[in-house]
C-alpha atoms as a PDB file:
ATOM      1  CA  MET A   1     -14.148  15.618  61.849  1.00  0.00           C
ATOM      2  CA  LEU A   2     -15.850  18.771  63.236  1.00  0.00           C
ATOM      3  CA  ARG A   3     -19.566  18.839  63.915  1.00  0.00           C
ATOM      4  CA  GLY A   4     -22.170  21.440  64.559  1.00  0.00           C
ATOM      5  CA  SER A   5     -21.893  25.174  64.419  1.00  0.00           C
ATOM      6  CA  SER A   6     -18.155  25.199  65.147  1.00  0.00           C
ATOM      7  CA  SER A   7     -17.515  23.229  61.864  1.00  0.00           C
ATOM      8  CA  LEU A   8     -19.777  25.560  59.954  1.00  0.00           C
ATOM      9  CA  ALA A   9     -17.924  28.588  61.363  1.00  0.00           C
ATOM     10  CA  SER A  10     -14.545  27.023  60.407  1.00  0.00           C
ATOM     11  CA  VAL A  11     -15.614  26.262  56.870  1.00  0.00           C
ATOM     12  CA  PHE A  12     -17.031  29.733  56.492  1.00  0.00           C
ATOM     13  CA  PHE A  13     -13.839  31.381  57.885  1.00  0.00           C
ATOM     14  CA  CYS A  14     -11.582  29.260  55.585  1.00  0.00           C
ATOM     15  CA  SER A  15     -13.742  30.191  52.573  1.00  0.00           C
ATOM     16  CA  VAL A  16     -13.501  33.920  53.412  1.00  0.00           C
ATOM     17  CA  CYS A  17      -9.723  33.721  53.793  1.00  0.00           C
ATOM     18  CA  LEU A  18      -9.420  31.854  50.528  1.00  0.00           C
ATOM     19  CA  LEU A  19     -11.549  34.413  48.714  1.00  0.00           C
ATOM     20  CA  VAL A  20      -9.493  37.331  50.248  1.00  0.00           C
ATOM     21  CA  ALA A  21      -6.202  35.728  49.238  1.00  0.00           C
ATOM     22  CA  LEU A  22      -7.455  35.172  45.702  1.00  0.00           C
ATOM     23  CA  SER A  23      -8.777  38.610  45.334  1.00  0.00           C
ATOM     24  CA  GLN A  24      -5.509  40.156  46.535  1.00  0.00           C
ATOM     25  CA  ARG A  25      -3.560  38.057  44.057  1.00  0.00           C
ATOM     26  CA  ALA A  26      -5.792  39.062  41.240  1.00  0.00           C
ATOM     27  CA  THR A  27      -5.458  42.795  41.975  1.00  0.00           C
ATOM     28  CA  THR A  28      -1.746  42.721  42.700  1.00  0.00           C
ATOM     29  CA  PRO A  29       0.177  43.714  39.510  1.00  0.00           C
ATOM     30  CA  ARG A  30       2.676  41.082  38.251  1.00  0.00           C
ATOM     31  CA  LYS A  31       6.292  41.997  38.554  1.00  0.00           C
ATOM     32  CA  LYS A  32       6.888  42.522  34.913  1.00  0.00           C
ATOM     33  CA  GLY A  33      10.622  43.087  34.350  1.00  0.00           C
ATOM     34  CA  CYS A  34      11.555  43.383  38.028  1.00  0.00           C
ATOM     35  CA  ILE A  35      14.273  40.788  38.620  1.00  0.00           C
ATOM     36  CA  ARG A  36      15.504  41.102  42.153  1.00  0.00           C
ATOM     37  CA  ASP A  37      15.816  37.386  42.743  1.00  0.00           C
ATOM     38  CA  ILE A  38      18.188  36.764  39.793  1.00  0.00           C
ATOM     39  CA  THR A  39      20.288  39.735  40.883  1.00  0.00           C
ATOM     40  CA  HIS A  40      20.795  38.091  44.219  1.00  0.00           C
ATOM     41  CA  GLN A  41      21.562  34.773  42.573  1.00  0.00           C
ATOM     42  CA  VAL A  42      24.227  36.280  40.379  1.00  0.00           C
ATOM     43  CA  SER A  43      25.771  38.110  43.317  1.00  0.00           C
ATOM     44  CA  THR A  44      25.914  34.903  45.315  1.00  0.00           C
ATOM     45  CA  LEU A  45      27.486  32.984  42.427  1.00  0.00           C
ATOM     46  CA  MET A  46      29.994  35.712  41.882  1.00  0.00           C
ATOM     47  CA  ASN A  47      31.181  35.313  45.441  1.00  0.00           C
ATOM     48  CA  CYS A  48      31.074  31.594  45.430  1.00  0.00           C
ATOM     49  CA  SER A  49      34.250  29.758  46.192  1.00  0.00           C
ATOM     50  CA  SER A  50      33.711  27.537  43.158  1.00  0.00           C
ATOM     51  CA  MET A  51      34.450  30.528  40.911  1.00  0.00           C
ATOM     52  CA  GLN A  52      38.136  30.393  42.034  1.00  0.00           C
ATOM     53  CA  LYS A  53      38.458  27.090  40.017  1.00  0.00           C
ATOM     54  CA  LEU A  54      37.284  28.938  36.885  1.00  0.00           C
ATOM     55  CA  GLU A  55      39.566  31.912  37.200  1.00  0.00           C
ATOM     56  CA  ASP A  56      41.326  31.192  33.901  1.00  0.00           C
ATOM     57  CA  LEU A  57      38.039  30.897  32.044  1.00  0.00           C
ATOM     58  CA  LYS A  58      37.398  33.771  29.574  1.00  0.00           C
ATOM     59  CA  LEU A  59      33.801  34.681  28.616  1.00  0.00           C
ATOM     60  CA  TYR A  60      32.408  36.960  25.947  1.00  0.00           C
ATOM     61  CA  THR A  61      31.017  39.860  28.071  1.00  0.00           C
ATOM     62  CA  PRO A  62      28.375  42.237  26.742  1.00  0.00           C
ATOM     63  CA  ASN A  63      28.272  45.755  28.247  1.00  0.00           C
ATOM     64  CA  ARG A  64      25.679  48.370  29.178  1.00  0.00           C
ATOM     65  CA  THR A  65      25.663  49.930  25.698  1.00  0.00           C
ATOM     66  CA  SER A  66      24.883  46.627  24.111  1.00  0.00           C
ATOM     67  CA  TYR A  67      21.939  46.103  26.542  1.00  0.00           C
ATOM     68  CA  GLU A  68      20.615  49.590  25.718  1.00  0.00           C
ATOM     69  CA  GLN A  69      20.705  48.875  22.010  1.00  0.00           C
ATOM     70  CA  CYS A  70      19.885  45.179  21.921  1.00  0.00           C
ATOM     71  CA  PRO A  71      18.522  43.813  25.256  1.00  0.00           C
ATOM     72  CA  ARG A  72      17.491  40.437  23.837  1.00  0.00           C
ATOM     73  CA  ALA A  73      20.815  39.852  22.054  1.00  0.00           C
ATOM     74  CA  THR A  74      22.592  40.864  25.266  1.00  0.00           C
ATOM     75  CA  PHE A  75      20.657  38.492  27.452  1.00  0.00           C
ATOM     76  CA  THR A  76      21.138  35.740  24.930  1.00  0.00           C
ATOM     77  CA  CYS A  77      24.847  36.162  25.124  1.00  0.00           C
ATOM     78  CA  PHE A  78      24.861  36.225  28.842  1.00  0.00           C
ATOM     79  CA  ARG A  79      22.703  33.063  28.960  1.00  0.00           C
ATOM     80  CA  ASP A  80      24.951  31.253  26.473  1.00  0.00           C
ATOM     81  CA  GLU A  81      28.097  32.145  28.411  1.00  0.00           C
ATOM     82  CA  LEU A  82      26.400  31.145  31.678  1.00  0.00           C
ATOM     83  CA  SER A  83      25.935  27.770  30.066  1.00  0.00           C
ATOM     84  CA  VAL A  84      29.658  27.612  29.608  1.00  0.00           C
ATOM     85  CA  ILE A  85      30.122  28.353  33.344  1.00  0.00           C
ATOM     86  CA  SER A  86      27.609  25.587  34.208  1.00  0.00           C
ATOM     87  CA  ASN A  87      29.428  23.013  31.942  1.00  0.00           C
ATOM     88  CA  GLU A  88      32.772  23.928  33.456  1.00  0.00           C
ATOM     89  CA  LEU A  89      31.506  23.474  36.949  1.00  0.00           C
ATOM     90  CA  VAL A  90      30.290  20.039  35.960  1.00  0.00           C
ATOM     91  CA  ILE A  91      33.690  19.189  34.522  1.00  0.00           C
ATOM     92  CA  TYR A  92      35.380  20.155  37.844  1.00  0.00           C
ATOM     93  CA  GLY A  93      32.801  18.155  39.749  1.00  0.00           C
ATOM     94  CA  LEU A  94      31.349  21.229  41.435  1.00  0.00           C
ATOM     95  CA  ASP A  95      27.759  22.139  42.158  1.00  0.00           C
ATOM     96  CA  ASN A  96      26.181  24.067  39.290  1.00  0.00           C
ATOM     97  CA  ASN A  97      22.629  24.393  40.743  1.00  0.00           C
ATOM     98  CA  ARG A  98      22.980  28.117  41.164  1.00  0.00           C
ATOM     99  CA  THR A  99      24.013  28.464  37.556  1.00  0.00           C
ATOM    100  CA  LYS A 100      21.035  26.363  36.414  1.00  0.00           C
ATOM    101  CA  SER A 101      18.676  28.552  38.398  1.00  0.00           C
ATOM    102  CA  ILE A 102      20.099  31.680  36.809  1.00  0.00           C
ATOM    103  CA  LEU A 103      19.802  30.084  33.383  1.00  0.00           C
ATOM    104  CA  LYS A 104      16.067  29.396  33.948  1.00  0.00           C
ATOM    105  CA  ARG A 105      15.527  33.039  34.978  1.00  0.00           C
ATOM    106  CA  MET A 106      17.566  34.288  31.925  1.00  0.00           C
ATOM    107  CA  SER A 107      15.221  32.210  29.686  1.00  0.00           C
ATOM    108  CA  PHE A 108      12.320  34.047  31.340  1.00  0.00           C
ATOM    109  CA  LEU A 109      13.994  37.376  30.700  1.00  0.00           C
ATOM    110  CA  LEU A 110      14.414  36.450  27.086  1.00  0.00           C
ATOM    111  CA  LEU A 111      10.691  35.863  26.805  1.00  0.00           C
ATOM    112  CA  GLN A 112      10.055  39.448  28.130  1.00  0.00           C
ATOM    113  CA  HIS A 113      12.477  40.891  25.556  1.00  0.00           C
ATOM    114  CA  ASN A 114      10.780  39.596  22.453  1.00  0.00           C
ATOM    115  CA  LYS A 115      10.909  42.782  20.225  1.00  0.00           C
ATOM    116  CA  PRO A 116      12.828  42.371  16.968  1.00  0.00           C
ATOM    117  CA  GLU A 117      16.214  43.846  17.018  1.00  0.00           C
ATOM    118  CA  SER A 118      18.679  44.691  14.247  1.00  0.00           C
ATOM    119  CA  GLY A 119      22.387  45.752  14.133  1.00  0.00           C
ATOM    120  CA  CYS A 120      23.217  43.815  17.206  1.00  0.00           C
ATOM    121  CA  LEU A 121      26.674  42.423  17.772  1.00  0.00           C
ATOM    122  CA  GLN A 122      27.139  38.682  17.886  1.00  0.00           C
ATOM    123  CA  CYS A 123      28.258  37.373  21.210  1.00  0.00           C
ATOM    124  CA  GLU A 124      31.645  36.365  19.922  1.00  0.00           C
ATOM    125  CA  LEU A 125      32.437  40.034  19.059  1.00  0.00           C
ATOM    126  CA  PHE A 126      32.288  41.199  22.707  1.00  0.00           C
ATOM    127  CA  GLU A 127      35.572  41.412  24.740  1.00  0.00           C
ATOM    128  CA  GLN A 128      36.520  38.332  26.605  1.00  0.00           C
ATOM    129  CA  LYS A 129      36.777  38.691  30.375  1.00  0.00           C
ATOM    130  CA  ASP A 130      37.356  36.441  33.331  1.00  0.00           C
ATOM    131  CA  VAL A 131      34.421  34.875  35.147  1.00  0.00           C
ATOM    132  CA  ARG A 132      34.235  37.476  37.995  1.00  0.00           C
ATOM    133  CA  LYS A 133      34.244  40.416  35.484  1.00  0.00           C
ATOM    134  CA  PHE A 134      31.639  38.633  33.421  1.00  0.00           C
ATOM    135  CA  LEU A 135      29.393  38.128  36.385  1.00  0.00           C
ATOM    136  CA  GLY A 136      30.032  41.702  37.506  1.00  0.00           C
ATOM    137  CA  ALA A 137      28.946  43.018  34.035  1.00  0.00           C
ATOM    138  CA  LEU A 138      25.789  40.788  34.205  1.00  0.00           C
ATOM    139  CA  LEU A 139      25.064  42.001  37.710  1.00  0.00           C
ATOM    140  CA  ASN A 140      25.503  45.681  36.654  1.00  0.00           C
ATOM    141  CA  ILE A 141      23.044  45.319  33.798  1.00  0.00           C
ATOM    142  CA  LEU A 142      20.536  43.409  36.032  1.00  0.00           C
ATOM    143  CA  GLN A 143      20.750  46.183  38.618  1.00  0.00           C
ATOM    144  CA  MET A 144      20.169  48.795  35.906  1.00  0.00           C
ATOM    145  CA  VAL A 145      17.070  46.888  34.714  1.00  0.00           C
ATOM    146  CA  ASN A 146      15.851  46.756  38.324  1.00  0.00           C
ATOM    147  CA  SER A 147      16.267  50.395  38.822  1.00  0.00           C
ATOM    148  CA  GLU A 148      14.086  51.053  35.802  1.00  0.00           C
ATOM    149  CA  LYS A 149      11.474  48.269  36.314  1.00  0.00           C
ATOM    150  CA  CYS A 150      11.241  47.889  40.081  1.00  0.00           C
ATOM    151  CA  LYS A 151      10.979  51.638  40.685  1.00  0.00           C
ATOM    152  CA  ARG A 152       7.597  51.650  38.807  1.00  0.00           C
ATOM    153  CA  GLU A 153       6.372  48.720  40.955  1.00  0.00           C
ATOM    154  CA  ASN A 154       7.400  50.491  44.158  1.00  0.00           C
ATOM    155  CA  ILE A 155       5.529  53.612  43.111  1.00  0.00           C
ATOM    156  CA  GLN A 156       2.348  51.475  42.293  1.00  0.00           C
ATOM    157  CA  VAL A 157       2.572  49.759  45.635  1.00  0.00           C
ATOM    158  CA  ALA A 158       3.072  53.029  47.497  1.00  0.00           C
ATOM    159  CA  GLN A 159       0.004  54.463  45.770  1.00  0.00           C
ATOM    160  CA  ARG A 160      -2.069  51.547  46.800  1.00  0.00           C
ATOM    161  CA  THR A 161      -0.957  51.774  50.446  1.00  0.00           C
ATOM    162  CA  THR A 162      -1.193  55.547  50.840  1.00  0.00           C
ATOM    163  CA  PHE A 163      -3.684  56.429  53.638  1.00  0.00           C
ATOM    164  CA  SER A 164      -5.782  59.553  53.933  1.00  0.00           C
ATOM    165  CA  GLU A 165      -6.658  61.275  57.207  1.00  0.00           C
ATOM    166  CA  GLY A 166     -10.103  59.737  57.188  1.00  0.00           C
ATOM    167  CA  ASP A 167      -8.658  56.173  57.275  1.00  0.00           C
ATOM    168  CA  PHE A 168      -7.797  56.366  60.952  1.00  0.00           C
END
Protein backbone atom coordinates (compact mmCIF):
# COMPACT_ATOMS: atom_id res chain seq x y z
CA MET A 1 0.00 0.00 0.00
CA LEU A 2 1.27 3.48 -0.90
CA ARG A 3 1.81 6.05 1.84
CA GLY A 4 2.29 9.76 2.03
CA SER A 5 2.19 12.35 -0.71
CA SER A 6 3.05 9.86 -3.48
CA SER A 7 -0.11 7.85 -2.75
CA LEU A 8 -2.22 11.00 -2.72
CA ALA A 9 -0.72 12.06 -6.06
CA SER A 10 -1.39 8.60 -7.54
CA VAL A 11 -5.01 8.63 -6.39
CA PHE A 12 -5.47 12.14 -7.75
CA PHE A 13 -3.89 11.22 -11.11
CA CYS A 14 -6.09 8.10 -11.44
CA SER A 15 -9.18 10.14 -10.61
CA VAL A 16 -8.33 12.73 -13.25
CA CYS A 17 -7.73 10.01 -15.86
CA LEU A 18 -11.03 8.37 -15.03
CA LEU A 19 -12.92 11.67 -15.29
CA VAL A 20 -11.31 12.47 -18.65
CA ALA A 21 -12.12 9.02 -20.02
CA LEU A 22 -15.73 9.23 -18.87
CA SER A 23 -16.20 12.73 -20.27
CA GLN A 24 -14.80 11.70 -23.66
CA ARG A 25 -17.14 8.73 -23.78
CA ALA A 26 -20.11 10.93 -22.91
CA THR A 27 -19.31 13.46 -25.66
CA THR A 28 -18.44 10.90 -28.35
CA PRO A 29 -21.46 10.22 -30.54
CA ARG A 30 -22.63 6.63 -30.69
CA LYS A 31 -22.09 4.84 -33.96
CA LYS A 32 -25.75 4.65 -34.84
CA GLY A 33 -26.07 2.64 -37.98
CA CYS A 34 -22.37 2.29 -38.75
CA ILE A 35 -21.66 -1.43 -38.92
CA ARG A 36 -18.06 -1.90 -39.94
CA ASP A 37 -17.48 -4.87 -37.63
CA ILE A 38 -20.29 -6.98 -39.08
CA THR A 39 -19.07 -6.20 -42.60
CA HIS A 40 -15.69 -7.63 -41.68
CA GLN A 41 -17.31 -10.68 -40.06
CA VAL A 42 -19.42 -11.42 -43.16
CA SER A 43 -16.39 -11.01 -45.41
CA THR A 44 -14.40 -13.42 -43.23
CA LEU A 45 -17.26 -15.95 -43.21
CA MET A 46 -17.59 -15.68 -46.98
CA ASN A 47 -13.93 -16.63 -47.43
CA CYS A 48 -14.02 -19.33 -44.77
CA SER A 49 -13.12 -22.83 -45.92
CA SER A 50 -16.21 -24.18 -44.12
CA MET A 51 -18.38 -22.59 -46.78
CA GLN A 52 -17.13 -25.18 -49.29
CA LYS A 53 -19.10 -27.83 -47.39
CA LEU A 54 -22.25 -25.77 -47.92
CA GLU A 55 -21.78 -25.08 -51.62
CA ASP A 56 -25.01 -26.92 -52.53
CA LEU A 57 -27.08 -24.96 -50.01
CA LYS A 58 -29.53 -22.49 -51.59
CA LEU A 59 -30.73 -19.49 -49.61
CA TYR A 60 -33.38 -16.85 -50.22
CA THR A 61 -31.37 -13.76 -51.10
CA PRO A 62 -32.75 -10.21 -50.79
CA ASN A 63 -31.29 -7.54 -53.04
CA ARG A 64 -30.44 -3.86 -52.83
CA THR A 65 -33.89 -2.78 -54.04
CA SER A 66 -35.55 -4.78 -51.28
CA TYR A 67 -33.31 -3.07 -48.71
CA GLU A 68 -34.12 0.39 -50.08
CA GLN A 69 -37.87 -0.30 -49.88
CA CYS A 70 -37.99 -2.47 -46.74
CA PRO A 71 -34.78 -2.48 -44.68
CA ARG A 72 -36.26 -4.32 -41.69
CA ALA A 73 -37.80 -7.09 -43.80
CA THR A 74 -34.54 -7.41 -45.73
CA PHE A 75 -32.41 -7.77 -42.60
CA THR A 76 -34.98 -10.17 -41.12
CA CYS A 77 -34.64 -12.38 -44.19
CA PHE A 78 -30.85 -12.26 -44.06
CA ARG A 79 -30.93 -13.10 -40.35
CA ASP A 80 -33.28 -16.04 -40.88
CA GLU A 81 -31.15 -17.43 -43.70
CA LEU A 82 -27.98 -16.96 -41.63
CA SER A 83 -29.65 -19.18 -39.03
CA VAL A 84 -29.92 -21.84 -41.73
CA ILE A 85 -26.18 -21.51 -42.40
CA SER A 86 -25.47 -21.79 -38.67
CA ASN A 87 -27.59 -24.92 -38.36
CA GLU A 88 -25.95 -26.50 -41.40
CA LEU A 89 -22.50 -25.84 -39.97
CA VAL A 90 -23.55 -27.64 -36.78
CA ILE A 91 -24.86 -30.59 -38.81
CA TYR A 92 -21.47 -30.88 -40.54
CA GLY A 93 -19.69 -30.59 -37.19
CA LEU A 94 -18.07 -27.30 -38.19
CA ASP A 95 -17.50 -24.15 -36.14
CA ASN A 96 -20.45 -21.76 -36.30
CA ASN A 97 -19.16 -19.07 -33.91
CA ARG A 98 -18.71 -16.53 -36.71
CA THR A 99 -22.28 -17.08 -37.83
CA LYS A 100 -23.56 -16.74 -34.26
CA SER A 101 -21.70 -13.47 -33.90
CA ILE A 102 -23.17 -12.13 -37.14
CA LEU A 103 -26.64 -13.23 -36.02
CA LYS A 104 -26.26 -11.20 -32.81
CA ARG A 105 -25.29 -8.11 -34.80
CA MET A 106 -28.19 -8.69 -37.20
CA SER A 107 -30.56 -8.64 -34.23
CA PHE A 108 -29.05 -5.29 -33.25
CA LEU A 109 -29.59 -4.01 -36.78
CA LEU A 110 -33.22 -5.04 -36.62
CA LEU A 111 -33.66 -2.95 -33.47
CA GLN A 112 -32.35 0.08 -35.36
CA HIS A 113 -34.78 -0.49 -38.23
CA ASN A 114 -38.02 -0.43 -36.28
CA LYS A 115 -40.18 1.71 -38.56
CA PRO A 116 -43.35 0.06 -39.86
CA GLU A 117 -43.09 -1.27 -43.40
CA SER A 118 -45.72 -2.30 -45.88
CA GLY A 119 -45.69 -3.97 -49.27
CA CYS A 120 -42.54 -5.92 -48.46
CA LEU A 121 -41.77 -9.26 -50.05
CA GLN A 122 -41.69 -12.33 -47.86
CA CYS A 123 -38.29 -13.95 -47.66
CA GLU A 124 -39.46 -17.03 -49.56
CA LEU A 125 -40.25 -14.88 -52.60
CA PHE A 126 -36.63 -13.87 -53.17
CA GLU A 127 -34.43 -15.77 -55.59
CA GLN A 128 -32.51 -18.68 -54.09
CA LYS A 129 -28.75 -18.41 -54.44
CA ASP A 130 -25.76 -20.38 -53.24
CA VAL A 131 -24.07 -19.50 -49.94
CA ARG A 132 -21.29 -17.37 -51.40
CA LYS A 133 -23.69 -15.30 -53.51
CA PHE A 134 -25.99 -14.94 -50.51
CA LEU A 135 -23.13 -13.68 -48.32
CA GLY A 136 -21.95 -11.45 -51.19
CA ALA A 137 -25.41 -9.86 -51.40
CA LEU A 138 -25.46 -9.33 -47.63
CA LEU A 139 -21.97 -7.84 -47.75
CA ASN A 140 -22.98 -5.53 -50.60
CA ILE A 141 -25.97 -4.20 -48.63
CA LEU A 142 -23.92 -3.79 -45.44
CA GLN A 143 -21.29 -1.83 -47.37
CA MET A 144 -24.02 0.38 -48.80
CA VAL A 145 -25.35 1.01 -45.27
CA ASN A 146 -21.82 1.86 -44.12
CA SER A 147 -21.30 4.27 -47.00
CA GLU A 148 -24.42 6.14 -45.85
CA LYS A 149 -24.06 5.93 -42.06
CA CYS A 150 -20.30 5.92 -41.46
CA LYS A 151 -19.74 8.89 -43.75
CA ARG A 152 -21.76 11.07 -41.36
CA GLU A 153 -19.68 9.82 -38.44
CA ASN A 154 -16.40 10.54 -40.22
CA ILE A 155 -17.57 14.08 -40.96
CA GLN A 156 -18.51 14.61 -37.30
CA VAL A 157 -15.15 13.28 -36.12
CA ALA A 158 -13.30 15.47 -38.66
CA GLN A 159 -15.20 18.52 -37.47
CA ARG A 160 -14.27 17.80 -33.86
CA THR A 161 -10.59 17.31 -34.69
CA THR A 162 -10.14 20.30 -37.00
CA PHE A 163 -7.49 22.70 -35.72
CA SER A 164 -7.28 26.41 -36.26
CA GLU A 165 -4.06 28.39 -36.64
CA GLY A 166 -4.26 29.58 -33.04
CA ASP A 167 -4.14 26.00 -31.74
CA PHE A 168 -0.40 25.69 -32.39
